[in-house]
């Protein structure tokens, strides 16, 4: 492997956590978290972000644009418009829709940075300006990851961290900062070898315990990103910490509060499955399937592979390997790039099924196929490597 290829490979896996940060979830807030004085600008931001989290994208954009119209020199409104369009970009399945969302996101990132720089020129201690610019840089990092522009990834990531540090120093009561800090500290802790070393040089050192503490702080005291912190904690407790019981009340709260956001339905069903509360998990899966079949927005046919992955996960947890394999095979049929994580997870679980059936050669083939997918995500890739070294063994039945 030449030097440039090695450099690109390092940057590919330097920030896998950001692939989750704004993936599908959009941006979030909590109407009961207000520490700032009530004013129309802030109210429009709150309403816009709330609508975004409930997958009411056009209403969200309308509210955020009203905020911008009230204060065109404030970078915060532009930053959240950029993030909403980033979410729209990631959730779009049509190339034309993705192109429009990317163009709008790029425009608002540029406006955020320009107005942020102008505010800082007038007041070098403007913490809100630094925070808005950090959010814009996070959007650029995410876009670089999706488009595999690895040469820009390190620069934008380092810049985002620098703005975040300035925001923390100048505005320590902005608890939203701790959502991004917690995300970074927690997920960088899962890196190993050269990528862990590079991240400590370019951004910060990983720290699992500190990351969880910061996410908890943001989930309790945050303003605009409070719900994002809760969503990240639910994911961390289920997927990394293997403590689904801690994720459950968070996932239940999010699904109840944002009934249109099918992402929280998937999260809750996965958590219930891991807790072996299969009847409840299947009920939510049926609700999702009905939405897909009816085609009523925001449900779309392209969610079918994700539904198959969910059903496969539930049957796998039950020990019904035949039905689990059927659904995982269904999830593999869609080879779109935005389904890479679903396909990787399904391939790993198919490998685990063959290991459970003492079919080691077939299991190794599936693990190897999972590792061949470039954008498969860190959790399933780690599992694939683990079970290539030693076969998966099912836990004893209770």
Protein backbone atom coordinates (compact mmCIF):
# COMPACT_ATOMS: atom_id res chain seq x y z
CA UNK A 1 0.00 0.00 0.00
CA UNK A 2 1.49 3.37 -1.00
CA UNK A 3 1.74 6.35 1.37
CA UNK A 4 -1.32 8.16 0.00
CA UNK A 5 -3.48 5.03 0.19
CA UNK A 6 -2.33 4.37 3.73
CA UNK A 7 -3.12 7.97 4.70
CA UNK A 8 -6.59 7.69 3.19
CA UNK A 9 -7.21 4.40 4.99
CA UNK A 10 -6.25 5.97 8.32
CA UNK A 11 -8.62 8.87 7.81
CA UNK A 12 -11.39 6.52 6.71
CA UNK A 13 -11.59 5.04 10.17
CA UNK A 14 -10.44 8.03 12.18
CA UNK A 15 -13.96 9.28 12.83
CA UNK A 16 -16.48 6.43 12.53
CA UNK A 17 -18.47 7.99 15.38
CA UNK A 18 -19.44 10.98 13.23
CA UNK A 19 -21.12 8.59 10.84
CA UNK A 20 -23.66 8.16 13.63
CA UNK A 21 -23.69 11.67 14.99
CA UNK A 22 -26.19 13.19 12.56
CA UNK A 23 -27.15 10.04 10.69
CA UNK A 24 -30.92 10.01 10.16
CA UNK A 25 -31.60 11.59 13.53
CA UNK A 26 -31.35 15.17 12.29
CA UNK A 27 -30.85 17.71 15.08
CA UNK A 28 -32.55 17.86 18.45
CA UNK A 29 -33.62 19.99 21.37
CA UNK A 30 -35.81 19.91 24.44
CA UNK A 31 -38.56 22.41 25.06
CA UNK A 32 -38.11 22.11 28.80
CA UNK A 33 -34.39 22.80 28.80
CA UNK A 34 -34.44 26.55 28.39
CA UNK A 35 -31.78 28.40 30.29
CA UNK A 36 -31.69 31.26 27.82
CA UNK A 37 -34.06 34.24 27.95
CA UNK A 38 -37.21 33.86 25.90
CA UNK A 39 -37.11 35.76 22.61
CA UNK A 40 -38.52 35.25 19.12
CA UNK A 41 -35.17 34.25 17.61
CA UNK A 42 -34.65 31.53 20.18
CA UNK A 43 -38.27 30.37 19.90
CA UNK A 44 -38.01 29.99 16.13
CA UNK A 45 -34.82 27.97 16.57
CA UNK A 46 -36.50 25.74 19.13
CA UNK A 47 -39.58 25.14 16.99
CA UNK A 48 -37.48 24.46 13.92
CA UNK A 49 -35.26 21.94 15.63
CA UNK A 50 -38.23 20.24 17.26
CA UNK A 51 -39.90 19.86 13.86
CA UNK A 52 -36.67 18.48 12.40
CA UNK A 53 -36.51 15.82 15.06
CA UNK A 54 -40.05 14.75 14.26
CA UNK A 55 -39.09 14.46 10.57
CA UNK A 56 -41.18 17.47 9.57
CA UNK A 57 -38.38 18.86 7.45
CA UNK A 58 -40.17 21.60 5.54
CA UNK A 59 -41.75 23.01 8.70
CA UNK A 60 -38.34 22.87 10.37
CA UNK A 61 -36.72 24.84 7.56
CA UNK A 62 -39.52 27.41 7.62
CA UNK A 63 -39.03 28.08 11.34
CA UNK A 64 -35.25 28.29 11.05
CA UNK A 65 -35.50 30.68 8.13
CA UNK A 66 -37.72 32.92 10.26
CA UNK A 67 -34.97 32.93 12.88
CA UNK A 68 -32.45 33.96 10.24
CA UNK A 69 -34.73 36.72 9.02
CA UNK A 70 -34.90 38.13 12.56
CA UNK A 71 -31.10 38.27 12.90
CA UNK A 72 -29.25 37.82 9.64
CA UNK A 73 -25.85 38.38 11.26
CA UNK A 74 -26.27 35.63 13.84
CA UNK A 75 -24.47 32.46 12.64
CA UNK A 76 -26.55 30.10 14.82
CA UNK A 77 -29.62 30.03 12.57
CA UNK A 78 -27.49 29.25 9.53
CA UNK A 79 -25.68 26.48 11.42
CA UNK A 80 -28.89 24.68 12.26
CA UNK A 81 -30.20 25.13 8.73
CA UNK A 82 -27.00 23.43 7.54
CA UNK A 83 -27.59 20.53 9.91
CA UNK A 84 -31.22 20.09 8.88
CA UNK A 85 -30.18 19.97 5.23
CA UNK A 86 -27.43 17.51 6.16
CA UNK A 87 -30.08 15.28 7.73
CA UNK A 88 -32.24 15.66 4.63
CA UNK A 89 -29.25 14.75 2.45
CA UNK A 90 -28.61 11.58 4.42
CA UNK A 91 -32.27 10.53 4.44
CA UNK A 92 -32.87 11.18 0.74
CA UNK A 93 -32.92 8.23 -1.64
CA UNK A 94 -33.21 10.14 -4.91
CA UNK A 95 -30.00 11.64 -6.39
CA UNK A 96 -31.76 14.88 -7.32
CA UNK A 97 -33.03 15.36 -3.76
CA UNK A 98 -29.58 14.66 -2.33
CA UNK A 99 -28.02 17.17 -4.72
CA UNK A 100 -30.46 19.90 -3.66
CA UNK A 101 -29.91 19.18 0.03
CA UNK A 102 -26.13 19.21 -0.38
CA UNK A 103 -26.23 22.52 -2.24
CA UNK A 104 -28.37 24.10 0.49
CA UNK A 105 -26.20 22.65 3.25
CA UNK A 106 -23.03 23.96 1.61
CA UNK A 107 -24.57 27.42 1.28
CA UNK A 108 -25.57 27.57 4.96
CA UNK A 109 -22.19 26.28 6.10
CA UNK A 110 -20.55 29.08 4.17
CA UNK A 111 -22.93 31.64 5.65
CA UNK A 112 -22.32 30.30 9.18
CA UNK A 113 -18.56 30.55 8.90
CA UNK A 114 -18.65 33.99 7.28
CA UNK A 115 -20.93 35.46 9.93
CA UNK A 116 -19.11 33.67 12.70
CA UNK A 117 -15.79 35.15 11.61
CA UNK A 118 -17.39 38.59 11.43
CA UNK A 119 -18.78 38.26 14.96
CA UNK A 120 -15.41 37.13 16.29
CA UNK A 121 -13.68 40.07 14.65
CA UNK A 122 -15.93 42.33 16.69
CA UNK A 123 -15.71 40.20 19.85
CA UNK A 124 -13.04 37.53 20.10
CA UNK A 125 -14.82 36.05 23.14
CA UNK A 126 -18.15 35.35 21.42
CA UNK A 127 -18.74 31.78 22.57
CA UNK A 128 -21.99 31.35 20.63
CA UNK A 129 -20.22 32.29 17.39
CA UNK A 130 -17.52 29.68 18.05
CA UNK A 131 -20.16 27.06 18.79
CA UNK A 132 -22.08 27.79 15.58
CA UNK A 133 -18.85 27.50 13.60
CA UNK A 134 -18.06 24.19 15.32
CA UNK A 135 -21.45 22.86 14.21
CA UNK A 136 -20.75 23.95 10.64
CA UNK A 137 -17.39 22.20 10.73
CA UNK A 138 -19.02 19.01 12.06
CA UNK A 139 -21.32 19.09 9.02
CA UNK A 140 -18.26 19.42 6.76
CA UNK A 141 -16.61 16.47 8.50
CA UNK A 142 -19.70 14.34 7.98
CA UNK A 143 -19.89 15.33 4.32
CA UNK A 144 -16.19 14.47 3.86
CA UNK A 145 -16.78 11.03 5.35
CA UNK A 146 -19.81 10.34 3.13
CA UNK A 147 -18.03 11.52 -0.01
CA UNK A 148 -14.71 9.90 0.99
CA UNK A 149 -12.77 13.16 0.79
CA UNK A 150 -10.22 11.97 3.30
CA UNK A 151 -7.70 14.70 2.61
CA UNK A 152 -10.19 17.24 4.02
CA UNK A 153 -11.30 15.07 6.91
CA UNK A 154 -8.39 15.65 9.27
CA UNK A 155 -8.27 19.40 8.64
CA UNK A 156 -11.98 19.93 9.20
CA UNK A 157 -12.01 17.68 12.28
CA UNK A 158 -9.14 19.53 13.89
CA UNK A 159 -10.80 22.86 13.09
CA UNK A 160 -14.12 21.71 14.59
CA UNK A 161 -12.36 20.74 17.83
CA UNK A 162 -10.56 24.09 18.01
CA UNK A 163 -13.83 26.01 17.66
CA UNK A 164 -15.43 23.74 20.24
CA UNK A 165 -12.65 24.43 22.74
CA UNK A 166 -12.99 28.17 22.23
CA UNK A 167 -16.76 27.91 22.69
CA UNK A 168 -16.28 26.01 25.96
CA UNK A 169 -13.76 28.53 27.28
CA UNK A 170 -15.86 31.56 26.40
CA UNK A 171 -19.32 30.17 27.18
CA UNK A 172 -18.97 27.42 29.84
CA UNK A 173 -22.73 27.39 30.52
CA UNK A 174 -23.49 26.20 27.00
CA UNK A 175 -24.04 22.53 27.87
CA UNK A 176 -24.72 21.62 24.25
CA UNK A 177 -20.95 21.71 23.83
CA UNK A 178 -20.70 18.58 25.95
CA UNK A 179 -22.74 16.58 23.46
CA UNK A 180 -20.04 16.92 20.80
CA UNK A 181 -17.20 16.59 23.32
CA UNK A 182 -18.79 13.48 24.76
CA UNK A 183 -19.29 12.02 21.32
CA UNK A 184 -15.62 12.57 20.52
CA UNK A 185 -14.18 11.34 23.82
CA UNK A 186 -16.39 8.25 23.91
CA UNK A 187 -15.94 7.02 20.35
CA UNK A 188 -12.27 7.89 19.98
CA UNK A 189 -11.72 5.59 22.94
CA UNK A 190 -12.81 2.66 20.75
CA UNK A 191 -10.07 3.27 18.19
CA UNK A 192 -6.84 1.29 18.31
CA UNK A 193 -3.28 1.50 17.03
CA UNK A 194 -2.25 4.22 14.62
CA UNK A 195 -5.75 5.69 14.29
CA UNK A 196 -5.97 6.19 18.05
CA UNK A 197 -2.56 7.87 18.00
CA UNK A 198 -3.50 10.12 15.07
CA UNK A 199 -6.76 11.16 16.69
CA UNK A 200 -4.93 12.17 19.88
CA UNK A 201 -2.64 14.38 17.80
CA UNK A 202 -5.28 15.91 15.54
CA UNK A 203 -8.22 16.23 17.91
CA UNK A 204 -8.22 14.82 21.44
CA UNK A 205 -7.54 11.64 23.40
CA UNK A 206 -10.32 9.10 23.73
CA UNK A 207 -11.80 8.61 27.18
CA UNK A 208 -14.80 6.28 27.56
CA UNK A 209 -15.80 7.28 31.07
CA UNK A 210 -15.39 11.00 30.41
CA UNK A 211 -17.36 10.71 27.19
CA UNK A 212 -20.30 9.08 28.94
CA UNK A 213 -20.22 11.70 31.69
CA UNK A 214 -20.26 14.52 29.13
CA UNK A 215 -23.13 12.93 27.22
CA UNK A 216 -25.08 12.54 30.45
CA UNK A 217 -24.42 16.20 31.29
CA UNK A 218 -25.65 17.33 27.86
CA UNK A 219 -28.72 15.09 28.13
CA UNK A 220 -29.66 16.68 31.46
CA UNK A 221 -28.68 20.33 31.01
CA UNK A 222 -28.35 20.83 27.27
CA UNK A 223 -30.56 23.14 25.26
CA UNK A 224 -30.67 22.58 21.49
CA UNK A 225 -28.72 19.29 21.51
CA UNK A 226 -30.20 17.72 24.61
CA UNK A 227 -32.17 15.13 22.68
CA UNK A 228 -29.17 14.35 20.48
CA UNK A 229 -27.27 13.48 23.66
CA UNK A 230 -30.11 11.21 24.79
CA UNK A 231 -30.18 9.46 21.42
CA UNK A 232 -26.43 8.92 21.55
CA UNK A 233 -26.63 7.51 25.08
CA UNK A 234 -29.32 5.05 23.99
CA UNK A 235 -27.06 3.89 21.17
CA UNK A 236 -23.99 3.66 23.42
CA UNK A 237 -25.74 1.68 26.14
CA UNK A 238 -27.24 -0.78 23.64
CA UNK A 239 -24.43 -1.24 21.12
CA UNK A 240 -21.21 -0.58 23.03
CA UNK A 241 -21.88 -0.90 26.74
CA UNK A 242 -24.23 -3.88 26.31
CA UNK A 243 -26.58 -2.38 28.89
CA UNK A 244 -29.92 -2.28 27.05
CA UNK A 245 -31.78 -1.83 30.33
CA UNK A 246 -30.19 1.62 30.65
CA UNK A 247 -31.06 2.45 27.05
CA UNK A 248 -34.68 1.37 27.36
CA UNK A 249 -36.23 4.36 29.21
CA UNK A 250 -34.41 6.77 26.89
CA UNK A 251 -35.58 4.95 23.77
CA UNK A 252 -39.14 4.80 25.09
CA UNK A 253 -39.13 8.53 25.79
CA UNK A 254 -37.81 9.42 22.34
CA UNK A 255 -40.31 7.23 20.49
CA UNK A 256 -43.23 8.64 22.47
CA UNK A 257 -42.14 12.21 21.97
CA UNK A 258 -41.37 11.95 18.23
CA UNK A 259 -43.95 9.50 16.83
CA UNK A 260 -43.13 10.34 13.19
CA UNK A 261 -39.45 9.60 13.59
CA UNK A 262 -39.22 5.94 12.64
CA UNK A 263 -35.57 5.91 13.68
CA UNK A 264 -36.63 5.86 17.32
CA UNK A 265 -38.97 2.97 16.56
CA UNK A 266 -36.01 1.00 15.24
CA UNK A 267 -33.90 1.95 18.27
CA UNK A 268 -36.58 0.88 20.73
CA UNK A 269 -37.29 -2.39 18.92
CA UNK A 270 -33.58 -3.27 18.88
CA UNK A 271 -33.29 -2.51 22.59
CA UNK A 272 -36.36 -4.59 23.44
CA UNK A 273 -34.96 -7.44 21.37
CA UNK A 274 -31.68 -7.38 23.29
CA UNK A 275 -33.72 -7.51 26.51
CA UNK A 276 -35.60 -10.55 25.14
CA UNK A 277 -38.88 -8.68 25.28
CA UNK A 278 -39.75 -10.17 21.93
CA UNK A 279 -43.50 -9.59 21.89
CA UNK A 280 -43.00 -5.83 22.28
CA UNK A 281 -40.17 -5.80 19.74
CA UNK A 282 -42.29 -7.62 17.15
CA UNK A 283 -45.18 -5.22 17.76
CA UNK A 284 -42.99 -2.24 16.89
CA UNK A 285 -41.56 -4.06 13.87
CA UNK A 286 -45.12 -4.69 12.66
CA UNK A 287 -45.88 -1.00 13.08
CA UNK A 288 -42.85 -0.16 10.92
CA UNK A 289 -43.79 -2.73 8.28
CA UNK A 290 -47.32 -1.35 8.03
CA UNK A 291 -45.91 2.13 7.51
CA UNK A 292 -43.61 0.92 4.74
CA UNK A 293 -46.41 -1.00 3.05
CA UNK A 294 -48.76 1.98 3.21
CA UNK A 295 -46.07 4.31 1.89
CA UNK A 296 -47.31 7.18 4.01
CA UNK A 297 -44.56 9.77 4.62
CA UNK A 298 -42.09 9.65 6.18
CA UNK A 299 -42.16 5.90 5.48
CA UNK A 300 -40.73 4.87 2.12
CA UNK A 301 -40.11 1.49 0.39
CA UNK A 302 -36.35 1.99 0.75
CA UNK A 303 -36.71 1.26 4.48
CA UNK A 304 -37.45 -2.40 3.72
CA UNK A 305 -33.80 -3.59 4.13
CA UNK A 306 -33.62 -1.89 7.50
CA UNK A 307 -36.86 -3.59 8.52
CA UNK A 308 -35.44 -6.94 7.41
CA UNK A 309 -32.32 -6.31 9.46
CA UNK A 310 -34.48 -5.57 12.51
CA UNK A 311 -36.56 -8.71 12.05
CA UNK A 312 -33.41 -10.75 11.58
CA UNK A 313 -32.00 -9.34 14.80
CA UNK A 314 -35.15 -10.22 16.77
CA UNK A 315 -35.31 -13.78 15.41
CA UNK A 316 -31.56 -14.17 15.99
CA UNK A 317 -31.97 -13.16 19.63
CA UNK A 318 -34.78 -15.70 19.89
CA UNK A 319 -32.53 -18.42 18.50
CA UNK A 320 -34.69 -18.92 15.42
CA UNK A 321 -31.80 -18.99 12.97
CA UNK A 322 -33.80 -20.07 9.92
CA UNK A 323 -36.13 -17.06 10.05
CA UNK A 324 -33.27 -14.76 11.04
CA UNK A 325 -31.21 -15.86 8.03
CA UNK A 326 -34.19 -15.32 5.72
CA UNK A 327 -34.52 -11.70 6.81
CA UNK A 328 -30.78 -11.02 6.78
CA UNK A 329 -30.63 -12.34 3.21
CA UNK A 330 -33.49 -10.00 2.37
CA UNK A 331 -31.54 -7.08 3.79
CA UNK A 332 -28.63 -7.90 1.45
CA UNK A 333 -30.68 -7.46 -1.71
CA UNK A 334 -30.32 -3.67 -1.71
CA UNK A 335 -26.70 -2.88 -2.59
CA UNK A 336 -27.04 0.91 -2.45
CA UNK A 337 -24.09 2.65 -0.80
CA UNK A 338 -26.32 4.10 1.91
CA UNK A 339 -27.19 0.52 2.92
CA UNK A 340 -23.57 -0.46 3.63
CA UNK A 341 -24.05 -0.53 7.40
CA UNK A 342 -27.17 -2.69 7.09
CA UNK A 343 -25.45 -5.11 4.73
CA UNK A 344 -22.36 -5.37 6.94
CA UNK A 345 -24.43 -6.08 10.06
CA UNK A 346 -26.47 -8.70 8.17
CA UNK A 347 -23.37 -10.42 6.82
CA UNK A 348 -21.84 -10.64 10.28
CA UNK A 349 -25.04 -12.09 11.76
CA UNK A 350 -25.23 -14.63 8.93
CA UNK A 351 -21.68 -15.64 9.80
CA UNK A 352 -22.67 -16.00 13.46
CA UNK A 353 -25.62 -18.18 12.44
CA UNK A 354 -23.32 -20.52 10.50
CA UNK A 355 -20.93 -20.65 13.46
CA UNK A 356 -23.84 -21.55 15.73
CA UNK A 357 -24.65 -24.37 13.29
CA UNK A 358 -21.00 -25.53 13.27
CA UNK A 359 -20.55 -24.50 9.64
CA UNK A 360 -17.25 -22.72 10.05
CA UNK A 361 -16.24 -22.36 6.42
CA UNK A 362 -19.47 -20.58 5.48
CA UNK A 363 -19.18 -18.42 8.60
CA UNK A 364 -15.69 -17.27 7.61
CA UNK A 365 -16.92 -16.38 4.14
CA UNK A 366 -19.60 -14.08 5.54
CA UNK A 367 -17.19 -12.41 7.98
CA UNK A 368 -14.75 -11.78 5.13
CA UNK A 369 -17.51 -10.31 2.94
CA UNK A 370 -18.47 -8.00 5.80
CA UNK A 371 -14.92 -6.69 6.07
CA UNK A 372 -14.83 -6.02 2.32
CA UNK A 373 -17.56 -3.37 2.67
CA UNK A 374 -15.84 0.00 3.02
CA UNK A 375 -18.56 1.91 4.87
CA UNK A 376 -19.84 -0.85 7.09
CA UNK A 377 -19.36 0.84 10.46
CA UNK A 378 -17.03 0.06 13.32
CA UNK A 379 -19.22 -2.22 15.47
CA UNK A 380 -20.01 -4.94 12.89
CA UNK A 381 -16.47 -4.77 11.50
CA UNK A 382 -15.02 -5.38 14.95
CA UNK A 383 -17.37 -8.32 15.40
CA UNK A 384 -16.34 -9.74 12.01
CA UNK A 385 -12.65 -9.58 12.97
CA UNK A 386 -13.39 -11.08 16.39
CA UNK A 387 -15.25 -14.07 14.97
CA UNK A 388 -12.72 -14.65 12.22
CA UNK A 389 -10.18 -15.20 14.99
CA UNK A 390 -12.45 -17.45 17.03
CA UNK A 391 -15.90 -18.84 16.17
CA UNK A 392 -19.04 -17.32 17.64
CA UNK A 393 -20.58 -19.43 20.40
CA UNK A 394 -24.25 -18.91 21.26
CA UNK A 395 -24.93 -18.09 24.90
CA UNK A 396 -26.50 -20.89 26.95
CA UNK A 397 -30.29 -20.91 26.90
CA UNK A 398 -31.88 -19.68 30.14
